[in-house]
Amino acid sequence: MLPSGSEQQESLAQLRKQVVALIRDRGYEWREEPFQLASGQLSHDYVDGKYAIDSGPGLRLASRAAVAAANSLGASFDAVGGPTMGAEALAHGIAMVADCLWFSVRSKPKPRGREQWIEGNRLKRGTRVLLVDDVVSTGDSIMEAYEHVVDTGASVVGVVALVDRGESGRQLFAKHSVPYTALVTYRDLEIEQVRGSKFTATAS
């Protein structure tokens, strides 16, 4: 784990700065032709978190920053994971950096065998979970993953997004008293905020 106190905060600030630069350089593009987001909102701003961390050094940087962010939330965790496939690379990287377990939450349950929603570690009551995702827009995908995790009896102690394109994720997890943070926000990228979530009627 990274240092605590003022040294940790300094390290986190430095790591965040590097991750923002990484996303700007490799994970963001402005598209002349607008495209539709899952929320239905049109946007010219395309963010590809998976492409941004497709190298060993990029993934290691993002993973170290995510662990530092989790430490800043006071989130001590035994396992890390999130929705497939956005969270998978980041979860694997964090598991190696933090020496912990990893898991992935399916979009649909496996149709054979154990017919399970969650792959990787078999979460159980008492497991402390850090939820992650590469890009959070409305927060719907990571909130669905949250629900499947808590169904196992495990407890979600914190949520860290690589990139957050809005405020819905923070608001949704605040309702569950779960600490939430993002390494890169729409403000850092100077792009339009994404609004709306099926889990809440309003978002400011």
C-alpha atoms as a PDB file:
ATOM      1  CA  MET A   1       0.000   0.000   0.000  1.00  0.00           C
ATOM      2  CA  LEU A   2       1.011   3.626  -0.467  1.00  0.00           C
ATOM      3  CA  PRO A   3       2.017   5.919   2.423  1.00  0.00           C
ATOM      4  CA  SER A   4      -0.619   7.450   4.658  1.00  0.00           C
ATOM      5  CA  GLY A   5      -1.319  11.000   5.783  1.00  0.00           C
ATOM      6  CA  SER A   6       0.185  13.990   3.988  1.00  0.00           C
ATOM      7  CA  GLU A   7       2.663  11.790   2.071  1.00  0.00           C
ATOM      8  CA  GLN A   8      -0.227   9.708   0.711  1.00  0.00           C
ATOM      9  CA  GLN A   9      -2.182  12.812  -0.321  1.00  0.00           C
ATOM     10  CA  GLU A  10       0.863  14.210  -2.102  1.00  0.00           C
ATOM     11  CA  SER A  11       1.407  10.894  -3.873  1.00  0.00           C
ATOM     12  CA  LEU A  12      -2.270  10.699  -4.863  1.00  0.00           C
ATOM     13  CA  ALA A  13      -2.209  14.240  -6.274  1.00  0.00           C
ATOM     14  CA  GLN A  14       0.880  13.400  -8.320  1.00  0.00           C
ATOM     15  CA  LEU A  15      -0.609  10.125  -9.546  1.00  0.00           C
ATOM     16  CA  ARG A  16      -3.913  11.777 -10.471  1.00  0.00           C
ATOM     17  CA  LYS A  17      -2.037  14.373 -12.515  1.00  0.00           C
ATOM     18  CA  GLN A  18      -0.275  11.621 -14.453  1.00  0.00           C
ATOM     19  CA  VAL A  19      -3.510   9.686 -14.999  1.00  0.00           C
ATOM     20  CA  VAL A  20      -5.274  12.809 -16.287  1.00  0.00           C
ATOM     21  CA  ALA A  21      -2.413  13.283 -18.765  1.00  0.00           C
ATOM     22  CA  LEU A  22      -2.668   9.626 -19.791  1.00  0.00           C
ATOM     23  CA  ILE A  23      -6.427   9.888 -20.426  1.00  0.00           C
ATOM     24  CA  ARG A  24      -6.022  13.138 -22.348  1.00  0.00           C
ATOM     25  CA  ASP A  25      -3.293  11.599 -24.496  1.00  0.00           C
ATOM     26  CA  ARG A  26      -4.691   8.113 -25.131  1.00  0.00           C
ATOM     27  CA  GLY A  27      -8.229   7.872 -23.807  1.00  0.00           C
ATOM     28  CA  TYR A  28     -10.027  10.935 -25.140  1.00  0.00           C
ATOM     29  CA  GLU A  29     -11.053  12.111 -28.576  1.00  0.00           C
ATOM     30  CA  TRP A  30     -13.446  14.770 -29.870  1.00  0.00           C
ATOM     31  CA  ARG A  31     -15.710  13.445 -32.617  1.00  0.00           C
ATOM     32  CA  GLU A  32     -17.126  15.847 -35.157  1.00  0.00           C
ATOM     33  CA  GLU A  33     -20.168  13.626 -35.599  1.00  0.00           C
ATOM     34  CA  PRO A  34     -22.012  13.285 -32.251  1.00  0.00           C
ATOM     35  CA  PHE A  35     -22.809   9.795 -30.998  1.00  0.00           C
ATOM     36  CA  GLN A  36     -25.408   8.542 -28.534  1.00  0.00           C
ATOM     37  CA  LEU A  37     -24.407   7.519 -25.008  1.00  0.00           C
ATOM     38  CA  ALA A  38     -26.181   4.781 -23.070  1.00  0.00           C
ATOM     39  CA  SER A  39     -28.122   7.543 -21.293  1.00  0.00           C
ATOM     40  CA  GLY A  40     -29.527   8.686 -24.633  1.00  0.00           C
ATOM     41  CA  GLN A  41     -27.548  11.917 -24.450  1.00  0.00           C
ATOM     42  CA  LEU A  42     -25.614  12.955 -27.579  1.00  0.00           C
ATOM     43  CA  SER A  43     -21.945  13.771 -27.170  1.00  0.00           C
ATOM     44  CA  HIS A  44     -18.910  14.766 -29.218  1.00  0.00           C
ATOM     45  CA  ASP A  45     -16.591  13.628 -26.405  1.00  0.00           C
ATOM     46  CA  TYR A  46     -15.480  10.005 -26.653  1.00  0.00           C
ATOM     47  CA  VAL A  47     -13.643   8.513 -23.673  1.00  0.00           C
ATOM     48  CA  ASP A  48     -12.011   5.065 -23.971  1.00  0.00           C
ATOM     49  CA  GLY A  49     -10.574   4.071 -20.608  1.00  0.00           C
ATOM     50  CA  LYS A  50      -9.601   0.572 -21.734  1.00  0.00           C
ATOM     51  CA  TYR A  51      -7.469   1.927 -24.586  1.00  0.00           C
ATOM     52  CA  ALA A  52      -5.798   4.390 -22.221  1.00  0.00           C
ATOM     53  CA  ILE A  53      -4.533   1.576 -19.990  1.00  0.00           C
ATOM     54  CA  ASP A  54      -3.744  -0.994 -22.678  1.00  0.00           C
ATOM     55  CA  SER A  55      -0.020  -1.032 -21.818  1.00  0.00           C
ATOM     56  CA  GLY A  56       1.773  -2.373 -18.747  1.00  0.00           C
ATOM     57  CA  PRO A  57       3.056   1.065 -17.664  1.00  0.00           C
ATOM     58  CA  GLY A  58      -0.358   2.713 -18.191  1.00  0.00           C
ATOM     59  CA  LEU A  59      -2.199   0.003 -16.285  1.00  0.00           C
ATOM     60  CA  ARG A  60       0.358   0.063 -13.482  1.00  0.00           C
ATOM     61  CA  LEU A  61       0.030   3.847 -13.143  1.00  0.00           C
ATOM     62  CA  ALA A  62      -3.781   3.729 -13.046  1.00  0.00           C
ATOM     63  CA  SER A  63      -3.734   0.834 -10.583  1.00  0.00           C
ATOM     64  CA  ARG A  64      -1.331   2.581  -8.215  1.00  0.00           C
ATOM     65  CA  ALA A  65      -3.461   5.707  -8.396  1.00  0.00           C
ATOM     66  CA  ALA A  66      -6.626   3.718  -7.684  1.00  0.00           C
ATOM     67  CA  VAL A  67      -5.053   2.103  -4.624  1.00  0.00           C
ATOM     68  CA  ALA A  68      -3.949   5.531  -3.382  1.00  0.00           C
ATOM     69  CA  ALA A  69      -7.475   6.847  -3.982  1.00  0.00           C
ATOM     70  CA  ALA A  70      -8.963   3.929  -2.040  1.00  0.00           C
ATOM     71  CA  ASN A  71      -6.559   4.669   0.814  1.00  0.00           C
ATOM     72  CA  SER A  72      -7.697   8.312   0.781  1.00  0.00           C
ATOM     73  CA  LEU A  73     -11.294   7.084   1.212  1.00  0.00           C
ATOM     74  CA  GLY A  74     -10.245   4.934   4.167  1.00  0.00           C
ATOM     75  CA  ALA A  75     -11.317   1.857   2.204  1.00  0.00           C
ATOM     76  CA  SER A  76      -9.418  -1.256   3.283  1.00  0.00           C
ATOM     77  CA  PHE A  77     -10.399  -4.053   0.915  1.00  0.00           C
ATOM     78  CA  ASP A  78      -9.920  -7.778   0.364  1.00  0.00           C
ATOM     79  CA  ALA A  79     -11.170  -7.952  -3.232  1.00  0.00           C
ATOM     80  CA  VAL A  80     -11.507  -5.600  -6.177  1.00  0.00           C
ATOM     81  CA  GLY A  81     -13.744  -5.782  -9.235  1.00  0.00           C
ATOM     82  CA  GLY A  82     -16.619  -4.336 -11.173  1.00  0.00           C
ATOM     83  CA  PRO A  83     -18.726  -4.699 -14.297  1.00  0.00           C
ATOM     84  CA  THR A  84     -17.425  -6.629 -17.277  1.00  0.00           C
ATOM     85  CA  MET A  85     -15.585  -5.633 -19.269  1.00  0.00           C
ATOM     86  CA  GLY A  86     -14.836  -2.086 -18.276  1.00  0.00           C
ATOM     87  CA  ALA A  87     -13.471  -2.934 -14.845  1.00  0.00           C
ATOM     88  CA  GLU A  88     -11.501  -6.064 -15.661  1.00  0.00           C
ATOM     89  CA  ALA A  89      -8.058  -4.723 -16.620  1.00  0.00           C
ATOM     90  CA  LEU A  90      -8.117  -2.206 -13.774  1.00  0.00           C
ATOM     91  CA  ALA A  91      -9.254  -4.846 -11.263  1.00  0.00           C
ATOM     92  CA  HIS A  92      -6.439  -7.185 -12.324  1.00  0.00           C
ATOM     93  CA  GLY A  93      -3.884  -4.393 -12.046  1.00  0.00           C
ATOM     94  CA  ILE A  94      -5.105  -3.300  -8.620  1.00  0.00           C
ATOM     95  CA  ALA A  95      -5.130  -6.906  -7.384  1.00  0.00           C
ATOM     96  CA  MET A  96      -1.427  -7.159  -8.212  1.00  0.00           C
ATOM     97  CA  VAL A  97      -0.551  -3.748  -6.748  1.00  0.00           C
ATOM     98  CA  ALA A  98      -2.579  -4.287  -3.557  1.00  0.00           C
ATOM     99  CA  ASP A  99      -1.945  -8.061  -3.304  1.00  0.00           C
ATOM    100  CA  CYS A 100      -5.652  -8.847  -3.062  1.00  0.00           C
ATOM    101  CA  LEU A 101      -8.378 -10.878  -4.790  1.00  0.00           C
ATOM    102  CA  TRP A 102     -10.182  -9.871  -7.990  1.00  0.00           C
ATOM    103  CA  PHE A 103     -13.600 -10.552  -9.504  1.00  0.00           C
ATOM    104  CA  SER A 104     -15.761  -9.512 -12.448  1.00  0.00           C
ATOM    105  CA  VAL A 105     -19.531  -9.002 -12.543  1.00  0.00           C
ATOM    106  CA  ARG A 106     -21.244 -10.334 -15.662  1.00  0.00           C
ATOM    107  CA  SER A 107     -23.852  -8.363 -17.594  1.00  0.00           C
ATOM    108  CA  LYS A 108     -25.915 -11.572 -17.618  1.00  0.00           C
ATOM    109  CA  PRO A 109     -25.577 -14.689 -15.439  1.00  0.00           C
ATOM    110  CA  LYS A 110     -23.563 -17.556 -16.882  1.00  0.00           C
ATOM    111  CA  PRO A 111     -26.085 -19.828 -18.672  1.00  0.00           C
ATOM    112  CA  ARG A 112     -24.474 -23.083 -17.527  1.00  0.00           C
ATOM    113  CA  GLY A 113     -22.504 -24.563 -14.648  1.00  0.00           C
ATOM    114  CA  ARG A 114     -23.049 -22.496 -11.501  1.00  0.00           C
ATOM    115  CA  GLU A 115     -25.136 -19.902 -13.450  1.00  0.00           C
ATOM    116  CA  GLN A 116     -23.288 -17.183 -11.588  1.00  0.00           C
ATOM    117  CA  TRP A 117     -23.185 -13.426 -11.966  1.00  0.00           C
ATOM    118  CA  ILE A 118     -19.700 -13.067 -10.517  1.00  0.00           C
ATOM    119  CA  GLU A 119     -16.503 -14.618 -11.903  1.00  0.00           C
ATOM    120  CA  GLY A 120     -13.107 -14.795 -10.268  1.00  0.00           C
ATOM    121  CA  ASN A 121     -13.194 -14.702  -6.502  1.00  0.00           C
ATOM    122  CA  ARG A 122     -16.338 -16.164  -4.958  1.00  0.00           C
ATOM    123  CA  LEU A 123     -17.384 -13.295  -2.763  1.00  0.00           C
ATOM    124  CA  LYS A 124     -18.957 -14.087   0.585  1.00  0.00           C
ATOM    125  CA  ARG A 125     -20.163 -12.440   3.754  1.00  0.00           C
ATOM    126  CA  GLY A 126     -17.320 -10.543   5.386  1.00  0.00           C
ATOM    127  CA  THR A 127     -15.404  -9.848   2.162  1.00  0.00           C
ATOM    128  CA  ARG A 128     -14.566  -6.151   1.866  1.00  0.00           C
ATOM    129  CA  VAL A 129     -14.902  -5.025  -1.737  1.00  0.00           C
ATOM    130  CA  LEU A 130     -13.514  -2.110  -3.708  1.00  0.00           C
ATOM    131  CA  LEU A 131     -15.695  -1.497  -6.781  1.00  0.00           C
ATOM    132  CA  VAL A 132     -13.996  -0.040  -9.861  1.00  0.00           C
ATOM    133  CA  ASP A 133     -14.840   0.804 -13.471  1.00  0.00           C
ATOM    134  CA  ASP A 134     -12.992   2.406 -16.355  1.00  0.00           C
ATOM    135  CA  VAL A 135     -15.622   5.000 -17.313  1.00  0.00           C
ATOM    136  CA  VAL A 136     -18.682   5.932 -15.248  1.00  0.00           C
ATOM    137  CA  SER A 137     -21.298   7.986 -17.092  1.00  0.00           C
ATOM    138  CA  THR A 138     -24.764   7.603 -15.582  1.00  0.00           C
ATOM    139  CA  GLY A 139     -23.546   5.141 -12.950  1.00  0.00           C
ATOM    140  CA  ASP A 140     -26.043   2.469 -14.008  1.00  0.00           C
ATOM    141  CA  SER A 141     -23.517  -0.279 -14.851  1.00  0.00           C
ATOM    142  CA  ILE A 142     -21.480   0.056 -11.676  1.00  0.00           C
ATOM    143  CA  MET A 143     -24.654   0.324  -9.566  1.00  0.00           C
ATOM    144  CA  GLU A 144     -25.916  -2.946 -11.068  1.00  0.00           C
ATOM    145  CA  ALA A 145     -22.560  -4.520 -10.184  1.00  0.00           C
ATOM    146  CA  TYR A 146     -22.927  -3.134  -6.651  1.00  0.00           C
ATOM    147  CA  GLU A 147     -26.295  -4.846  -6.253  1.00  0.00           C
ATOM    148  CA  HIS A 148     -24.921  -8.231  -7.336  1.00  0.00           C
ATOM    149  CA  VAL A 149     -21.958  -7.853  -4.973  1.00  0.00           C
ATOM    150  CA  VAL A 150     -24.091  -7.061  -1.929  1.00  0.00           C
ATOM    151  CA  ASP A 151     -26.353 -10.000  -2.811  1.00  0.00           C
ATOM    152  CA  THR A 152     -23.373 -12.264  -1.978  1.00  0.00           C
ATOM    153  CA  GLY A 153     -23.184 -10.816   1.536  1.00  0.00           C
ATOM    154  CA  ALA A 154     -19.949  -8.972   0.790  1.00  0.00           C
ATOM    155  CA  SER A 155     -19.681  -5.296   1.757  1.00  0.00           C
ATOM    156  CA  VAL A 156     -18.642  -2.539  -0.639  1.00  0.00           C
ATOM    157  CA  VAL A 157     -16.251  -0.260   1.240  1.00  0.00           C
ATOM    158  CA  GLY A 158     -15.444   2.134  -1.582  1.00  0.00           C
ATOM    159  CA  VAL A 159     -15.817   2.915  -5.266  1.00  0.00           C
ATOM    160  CA  VAL A 160     -13.084   4.264  -7.558  1.00  0.00           C
ATOM    161  CA  ALA A 161     -13.701   5.217 -11.190  1.00  0.00           C
ATOM    162  CA  LEU A 162     -10.872   5.747 -13.643  1.00  0.00           C
ATOM    163  CA  VAL A 163     -12.957   8.415 -15.420  1.00  0.00           C
ATOM    164  CA  ASP A 164     -16.263   9.928 -14.293  1.00  0.00           C
ATOM    165  CA  ARG A 165     -18.292  11.780 -16.931  1.00  0.00           C
ATOM    166  CA  GLY A 166     -20.938  13.108 -14.555  1.00  0.00           C
ATOM    167  CA  GLU A 167     -22.186  13.330 -10.980  1.00  0.00           C
ATOM    168  CA  SER A 168     -24.711  10.471 -10.962  1.00  0.00           C
ATOM    169  CA  GLY A 169     -22.242   7.868  -9.676  1.00  0.00           C
ATOM    170  CA  ARG A 170     -21.284   9.951  -6.665  1.00  0.00           C
ATOM    171  CA  GLN A 171     -24.927  10.696  -5.880  1.00  0.00           C
ATOM    172  CA  LEU A 172     -26.025   7.075  -6.227  1.00  0.00           C
ATOM    173  CA  PHE A 173     -23.375   5.730  -3.875  1.00  0.00           C
ATOM    174  CA  ALA A 174     -23.893   8.565  -1.386  1.00  0.00           C
ATOM    175  CA  LYS A 175     -27.416   7.167  -0.946  1.00  0.00           C
ATOM    176  CA  HIS A 176     -25.814   3.897   0.175  1.00  0.00           C
ATOM    177  CA  SER A 177     -23.213   5.665   2.351  1.00  0.00           C
ATOM    178  CA  VAL A 178     -20.401   4.243   0.202  1.00  0.00           C
ATOM    179  CA  PRO A 179     -17.347   6.497  -0.341  1.00  0.00           C
ATOM    180  CA  TYR A 180     -16.830   7.328  -4.031  1.00  0.00           C
ATOM    181  CA  THR A 181     -14.092   9.052  -6.002  1.00  0.00           C
ATOM    182  CA  ALA A 182     -12.761   9.291  -9.550  1.00  0.00           C
ATOM    183  CA  LEU A 183      -9.189   9.653 -10.754  1.00  0.00           C
ATOM    184  CA  VAL A 184     -10.290  11.795 -13.715  1.00  0.00           C
ATOM    185  CA  THR A 185     -13.503  13.825 -14.002  1.00  0.00           C
ATOM    186  CA  TYR A 186     -15.334  15.587 -16.794  1.00  0.00           C
ATOM    187  CA  ARG A 187     -13.992  18.818 -15.321  1.00  0.00           C
ATOM    188  CA  ASP A 188     -10.396  17.608 -15.728  1.00  0.00           C
ATOM    189  CA  LEU A 189     -11.126  16.823 -19.389  1.00  0.00           C
ATOM    190  CA  GLU A 190     -13.191  20.010 -19.832  1.00  0.00           C
ATOM    191  CA  ILE A 191     -16.065  18.109 -21.414  1.00  0.00           C
ATOM    192  CA  GLU A 192     -19.828  18.235 -20.987  1.00  0.00           C
ATOM    193  CA  GLN A 193     -21.292  16.518 -17.944  1.00  0.00           C
ATOM    194  CA  VAL A 194     -23.329  13.372 -18.610  1.00  0.00           C
ATOM    195  CA  ARG A 195     -26.646  13.351 -16.762  1.00  0.00           C
ATOM    196  CA  GLY A 196     -29.290  10.808 -15.884  1.00  0.00           C
ATOM    197  CA  SER A 197     -29.532   7.362 -14.312  1.00  0.00           C
ATOM    198  CA  LYS A 198     -32.272   4.741 -14.226  1.00  0.00           C
ATOM    199  CA  PHE A 199     -31.588   4.406 -10.503  1.00  0.00           C
ATOM    200  CA  THR A 200     -32.542   7.990  -9.686  1.00  0.00           C
ATOM    201  CA  ALA A 201     -35.078  10.384 -11.123  1.00  0.00           C
ATOM    202  CA  THR A 202     -32.953  13.486 -10.771  1.00  0.00           C
ATOM    203  CA  ALA A 203     -29.279  14.385 -11.006  1.00  0.00           C
ATOM    204  CA  SER A 204     -27.833  17.819 -10.399  1.00  0.00           C
END
